[in-house]
Amino acid sequence: MNIQVPTTVLDGSVLAILAKEDTYGYIITKTMQDLLNVSESTMYPVLRRLKKDGYVETYDQPFEGRIRRYYKMTADGQAHLTEIKDSWGAFRGAVDSLLEEQ
């Protein structure tokens, strides 16, 4: 059974990855796929939305004759991640209590 990952959880997960270091889309996507089983076609719209909302910025770096687009979390992104973490804690506690009541 697959549980669909809510948008807020996707956003928070990407921001948590970027809280550790700037990185490029492939690494973000691969990390998310390994942990949450989300598709590449899911991830790039998430990255675009986070950029549009001002939570991440991008910059390009040359790598082996190509250009990699790196993502960097902004101060607004850090504040948003904090909000998501707070909300997640309350949500997780509520779901855990419901599932463990059996």
N, C-alpha and C. Protein backbone atom coordinates (compact mmCIF):
# COMPACT_ATOMS: atom_id res chain seq x y z
N MET A 1 0.85 -1.18 0.00
CA MET A 1 0.00 0.00 0.00
C MET A 1 0.90 1.24 0.00
N ASN A 2 0.58 2.17 -0.86
CA ASN A 2 1.31 3.43 -0.91
C ASN A 2 0.46 4.54 -0.32
N ILE A 3 1.04 5.32 0.54
CA ILE A 3 0.37 6.49 1.10
C ILE A 3 0.84 7.70 0.31
N GLN A 4 -0.09 8.48 -0.22
CA GLN A 4 0.29 9.68 -0.96
C GLN A 4 0.86 10.71 0.02
N VAL A 5 1.97 11.29 -0.38
CA VAL A 5 2.65 12.26 0.47
C VAL A 5 2.02 13.63 0.25
N PRO A 6 1.49 14.26 1.30
CA PRO A 6 0.87 15.58 1.16
C PRO A 6 1.90 16.63 0.73
N THR A 7 1.41 17.66 0.06
CA THR A 7 2.26 18.73 -0.44
C THR A 7 3.12 19.35 0.66
N THR A 8 2.54 19.59 1.80
CA THR A 8 3.29 20.21 2.89
C THR A 8 4.45 19.32 3.34
N VAL A 9 4.24 18.02 3.35
CA VAL A 9 5.31 17.09 3.73
C VAL A 9 6.41 17.09 2.66
N LEU A 10 6.02 17.14 1.39
CA LEU A 10 7.02 17.24 0.31
C LEU A 10 7.85 18.51 0.46
N ASP A 11 7.16 19.63 0.67
CA ASP A 11 7.86 20.91 0.83
C ASP A 11 8.82 20.85 2.01
N GLY A 12 8.35 20.37 3.14
CA GLY A 12 9.18 20.30 4.33
C GLY A 12 10.37 19.37 4.14
N SER A 13 10.16 18.27 3.45
CA SER A 13 11.24 17.32 3.21
C SER A 13 12.33 17.93 2.33
N VAL A 14 11.92 18.62 1.28
CA VAL A 14 12.89 19.28 0.40
C VAL A 14 13.65 20.36 1.17
N LEU A 15 12.93 21.16 1.93
CA LEU A 15 13.58 22.21 2.71
C LEU A 15 14.53 21.61 3.75
N ALA A 16 14.18 20.47 4.33
CA ALA A 16 15.07 19.82 5.29
C ALA A 16 16.36 19.36 4.62
N ILE A 17 16.26 18.87 3.40
CA ILE A 17 17.46 18.49 2.64
C ILE A 17 18.33 19.72 2.41
N LEU A 18 17.69 20.82 2.02
CA LEU A 18 18.44 22.05 1.72
C LEU A 18 18.96 22.74 2.98
N ALA A 19 18.40 22.43 4.13
CA ALA A 19 18.90 23.00 5.38
C ALA A 19 20.30 22.49 5.67
N LYS A 20 20.62 21.30 5.17
CA LYS A 20 21.94 20.71 5.38
C LYS A 20 22.98 21.31 4.44
N GLU A 21 22.58 21.51 3.16
CA GLU A 21 23.49 22.07 2.18
C GLU A 21 22.75 22.39 0.89
N ASP A 22 23.30 23.34 0.13
CA ASP A 22 22.79 23.60 -1.21
C ASP A 22 23.05 22.35 -2.04
N THR A 23 22.14 22.02 -2.92
CA THR A 23 22.36 20.87 -3.79
C THR A 23 21.53 21.03 -5.05
N TYR A 24 21.72 20.14 -5.99
CA TYR A 24 21.03 20.24 -7.26
C TYR A 24 19.86 19.26 -7.34
N GLY A 25 19.02 19.49 -8.32
CA GLY A 25 17.75 18.78 -8.42
C GLY A 25 17.84 17.28 -8.41
N TYR A 26 18.83 16.71 -9.10
CA TYR A 26 18.94 15.26 -9.16
C TYR A 26 19.15 14.67 -7.77
N ILE A 27 20.01 15.28 -6.98
CA ILE A 27 20.29 14.77 -5.63
C ILE A 27 19.05 14.89 -4.75
N ILE A 28 18.36 16.01 -4.86
CA ILE A 28 17.12 16.19 -4.08
C ILE A 28 16.12 15.11 -4.47
N THR A 29 15.93 14.93 -5.77
CA THR A 29 14.98 13.93 -6.27
C THR A 29 15.37 12.53 -5.84
N LYS A 30 16.63 12.17 -5.97
CA LYS A 30 17.10 10.83 -5.60
C LYS A 30 16.89 10.58 -4.10
N THR A 31 17.21 11.56 -3.28
CA THR A 31 17.03 11.43 -1.83
C THR A 31 15.55 11.21 -1.51
N MET A 32 14.69 12.00 -2.12
CA MET A 32 13.25 11.87 -1.88
C MET A 32 12.73 10.53 -2.37
N GLN A 33 13.20 10.08 -3.53
CA GLN A 33 12.76 8.78 -4.05
C GLN A 33 13.18 7.64 -3.13
N ASP A 34 14.38 7.72 -2.60
CA ASP A 34 14.87 6.66 -1.72
C ASP A 34 14.08 6.59 -0.42
N LEU A 35 13.66 7.74 0.09
CA LEU A 35 12.99 7.77 1.39
C LEU A 35 11.47 7.73 1.32
N LEU A 36 10.90 8.38 0.33
CA LEU A 36 9.44 8.51 0.28
C LEU A 36 8.79 7.93 -0.97
N ASN A 37 9.58 7.35 -1.85
CA ASN A 37 9.05 6.71 -3.06
C ASN A 37 8.19 7.67 -3.90
N VAL A 38 8.73 8.87 -4.16
CA VAL A 38 8.04 9.82 -5.02
C VAL A 38 8.73 9.85 -6.38
N SER A 39 7.98 10.19 -7.41
CA SER A 39 8.53 10.18 -8.76
C SER A 39 9.26 11.48 -9.09
N GLU A 40 10.11 11.39 -10.08
CA GLU A 40 10.83 12.58 -10.56
C GLU A 40 9.83 13.61 -11.06
N SER A 41 8.76 13.15 -11.69
CA SER A 41 7.76 14.09 -12.21
C SER A 41 7.02 14.82 -11.09
N THR A 42 7.09 14.31 -9.88
CA THR A 42 6.52 15.00 -8.73
C THR A 42 7.47 16.07 -8.21
N MET A 43 8.75 15.79 -8.23
CA MET A 43 9.73 16.63 -7.55
C MET A 43 9.99 17.97 -8.22
N TYR A 44 10.10 18.01 -9.54
CA TYR A 44 10.44 19.28 -10.17
C TYR A 44 9.34 20.33 -10.02
N PRO A 45 8.07 19.96 -10.08
CA PRO A 45 7.04 20.96 -9.75
C PRO A 45 7.14 21.46 -8.30
N VAL A 46 7.53 20.59 -7.37
CA VAL A 46 7.72 21.01 -5.98
C VAL A 46 8.83 22.06 -5.92
N LEU A 47 9.94 21.79 -6.58
CA LEU A 47 11.06 22.73 -6.58
C LEU A 47 10.66 24.06 -7.22
N ARG A 48 9.92 24.00 -8.31
CA ARG A 48 9.47 25.25 -8.96
C ARG A 48 8.55 26.04 -8.04
N ARG A 49 7.64 25.35 -7.35
CA ARG A 49 6.71 26.04 -6.44
C ARG A 49 7.47 26.68 -5.27
N LEU A 50 8.43 25.94 -4.70
CA LEU A 50 9.21 26.49 -3.59
C LEU A 50 9.98 27.73 -4.04
N LYS A 51 10.47 27.72 -5.27
CA LYS A 51 11.18 28.89 -5.79
C LYS A 51 10.21 30.05 -6.00
N LYS A 52 9.06 29.77 -6.60
CA LYS A 52 8.06 30.81 -6.85
C LYS A 52 7.58 31.45 -5.55
N ASP A 53 7.47 30.64 -4.51
CA ASP A 53 7.01 31.14 -3.21
C ASP A 53 8.12 31.83 -2.40
N GLY A 54 9.34 31.83 -2.93
CA GLY A 54 10.44 32.52 -2.26
C GLY A 54 11.13 31.71 -1.17
N TYR A 55 10.86 30.40 -1.12
CA TYR A 55 11.47 29.56 -0.09
C TYR A 55 12.84 29.03 -0.51
N VAL A 56 13.10 29.00 -1.81
CA VAL A 56 14.42 28.61 -2.31
C VAL A 56 14.83 29.56 -3.42
N GLU A 57 16.13 29.63 -3.62
CA GLU A 57 16.72 30.37 -4.72
C GLU A 57 17.56 29.38 -5.52
N THR A 58 17.86 29.72 -6.75
CA THR A 58 18.70 28.86 -7.57
C THR A 58 19.93 29.62 -8.04
N TYR A 59 20.97 28.87 -8.31
CA TYR A 59 22.16 29.41 -8.97
C TYR A 59 22.77 28.28 -9.78
N ASP A 60 23.47 28.64 -10.83
CA ASP A 60 24.06 27.65 -11.73
C ASP A 60 25.56 27.55 -11.50
N GLN A 61 26.07 26.31 -11.61
CA GLN A 61 27.49 26.04 -11.48
C GLN A 61 27.91 25.11 -12.62
N PRO A 62 29.04 25.39 -13.26
CA PRO A 62 29.52 24.46 -14.29
C PRO A 62 30.02 23.17 -13.64
N PHE A 63 29.77 22.06 -14.32
CA PHE A 63 30.24 20.75 -13.86
C PHE A 63 30.48 19.87 -15.07
N GLU A 64 31.73 19.50 -15.27
CA GLU A 64 32.11 18.61 -16.37
C GLU A 64 31.49 19.03 -17.70
N GLY A 65 31.62 20.30 -18.02
CA GLY A 65 31.14 20.82 -19.30
C GLY A 65 29.65 21.09 -19.37
N ARG A 66 28.96 20.89 -18.28
CA ARG A 66 27.52 21.15 -18.24
C ARG A 66 27.25 22.14 -17.12
N ILE A 67 26.02 22.59 -17.06
CA ILE A 67 25.60 23.51 -16.00
C ILE A 67 24.64 22.77 -15.07
N ARG A 68 24.93 22.83 -13.78
CA ARG A 68 24.02 22.28 -12.79
C ARG A 68 23.31 23.43 -12.10
N ARG A 69 22.01 23.27 -11.92
CA ARG A 69 21.22 24.25 -11.19
C ARG A 69 21.12 23.81 -9.74
N TYR A 70 21.67 24.62 -8.86
CA TYR A 70 21.65 24.35 -7.43
C TYR A 70 20.50 25.10 -6.77
N TYR A 71 19.99 24.50 -5.72
CA TYR A 71 18.91 25.09 -4.93
C TYR A 71 19.47 25.45 -3.56
N LYS A 72 19.07 26.62 -3.07
CA LYS A 72 19.52 27.13 -1.78
C LYS A 72 18.30 27.64 -1.03
N MET A 73 18.17 27.25 0.22
CA MET A 73 17.04 27.70 1.03
C MET A 73 17.24 29.16 1.44
N THR A 74 16.16 29.92 1.39
CA THR A 74 16.19 31.32 1.81
C THR A 74 15.80 31.43 3.29
N ALA A 75 15.89 32.63 3.82
CA ALA A 75 15.44 32.86 5.20
C ALA A 75 13.95 32.57 5.33
N ASP A 76 13.16 32.94 4.32
CA ASP A 76 11.73 32.61 4.34
C ASP A 76 11.53 31.10 4.31
N GLY A 77 12.40 30.40 3.58
CA GLY A 77 12.33 28.95 3.53
C GLY A 77 12.62 28.33 4.89
N GLN A 78 13.59 28.89 5.60
CA GLN A 78 13.92 28.40 6.95
C GLN A 78 12.74 28.60 7.89
N ALA A 79 12.10 29.76 7.81
CA ALA A 79 10.93 30.03 8.65
C ALA A 79 9.79 29.07 8.29
N HIS A 80 9.59 28.81 7.00
CA HIS A 80 8.55 27.89 6.56
C HIS A 80 8.84 26.48 7.05
N LEU A 81 10.10 26.07 6.99
CA LEU A 81 10.48 24.74 7.49
C LEU A 81 10.17 24.62 8.97
N THR A 82 10.44 25.64 9.74
CA THR A 82 10.13 25.63 11.17
C THR A 82 8.64 25.46 11.40
N GLU A 83 7.82 26.19 10.63
CA GLU A 83 6.36 26.05 10.74
C GLU A 83 5.92 24.63 10.41
N ILE A 84 6.49 24.07 9.33
CA ILE A 84 6.11 22.71 8.92
C ILE A 84 6.51 21.70 10.00
N LYS A 85 7.69 21.85 10.57
CA LYS A 85 8.13 20.94 11.64
C LYS A 85 7.19 21.00 12.83
N ASP A 86 6.78 22.20 13.20
CA ASP A 86 5.86 22.34 14.33
C ASP A 86 4.52 21.68 14.02
N SER A 87 3.99 21.93 12.84
CA SER A 87 2.72 21.33 12.44
C SER A 87 2.83 19.82 12.33
N TRP A 88 3.96 19.35 11.80
CA TRP A 88 4.16 17.91 11.64
C TRP A 88 4.17 17.20 12.99
N GLY A 89 4.80 17.81 13.98
CA GLY A 89 4.84 17.20 15.30
C GLY A 89 3.44 16.97 15.87
N ALA A 90 2.59 17.96 15.74
CA ALA A 90 1.22 17.84 16.24
C ALA A 90 0.44 16.81 15.42
N PHE A 91 0.58 16.84 14.12
CA PHE A 91 -0.12 15.91 13.23
C PHE A 91 0.32 14.47 13.51
N ARG A 92 1.64 14.27 13.58
CA ARG A 92 2.18 12.93 13.83
C ARG A 92 1.67 12.39 15.17
N GLY A 93 1.66 13.24 16.18
CA GLY A 93 1.18 12.80 17.48
C GLY A 93 -0.28 12.37 17.44
N ALA A 94 -1.10 13.13 16.72
CA ALA A 94 -2.52 12.79 16.61
C ALA A 94 -2.72 11.47 15.86
N VAL A 95 -2.03 11.30 14.74
CA VAL A 95 -2.17 10.06 13.96
C VAL A 95 -1.63 8.88 14.74
N ASP A 96 -0.47 9.05 15.38
CA ASP A 96 0.08 7.96 16.19
C ASP A 96 -0.90 7.53 17.27
N SER A 97 -1.54 8.48 17.93
CA SER A 97 -2.47 8.11 19.01
C SER A 97 -3.67 7.37 18.44
N LEU A 98 -4.12 7.74 17.27
CA LEU A 98 -5.25 7.04 16.66
C LEU A 98 -4.86 5.62 16.23
N LEU A 99 -3.73 5.49 15.60
CA LEU A 99 -3.30 4.18 15.10
C LEU A 99 -2.89 3.23 16.21
N GLU A 100 -2.43 3.75 17.31
CA GLU A 100 -1.95 2.90 18.40
C GLU A 100 -3.05 2.54 19.39
N GLU A 101 -4.25 3.07 19.21
CA GLU A 101 -5.35 2.78 20.13
C GLU A 101 -5.92 1.38 19.95
N GLN A 102 -5.53 0.69 18.92
CA GLN A 102 -6.13 -0.62 18.63
C GLN A 102 -5.69 -1.69 19.57
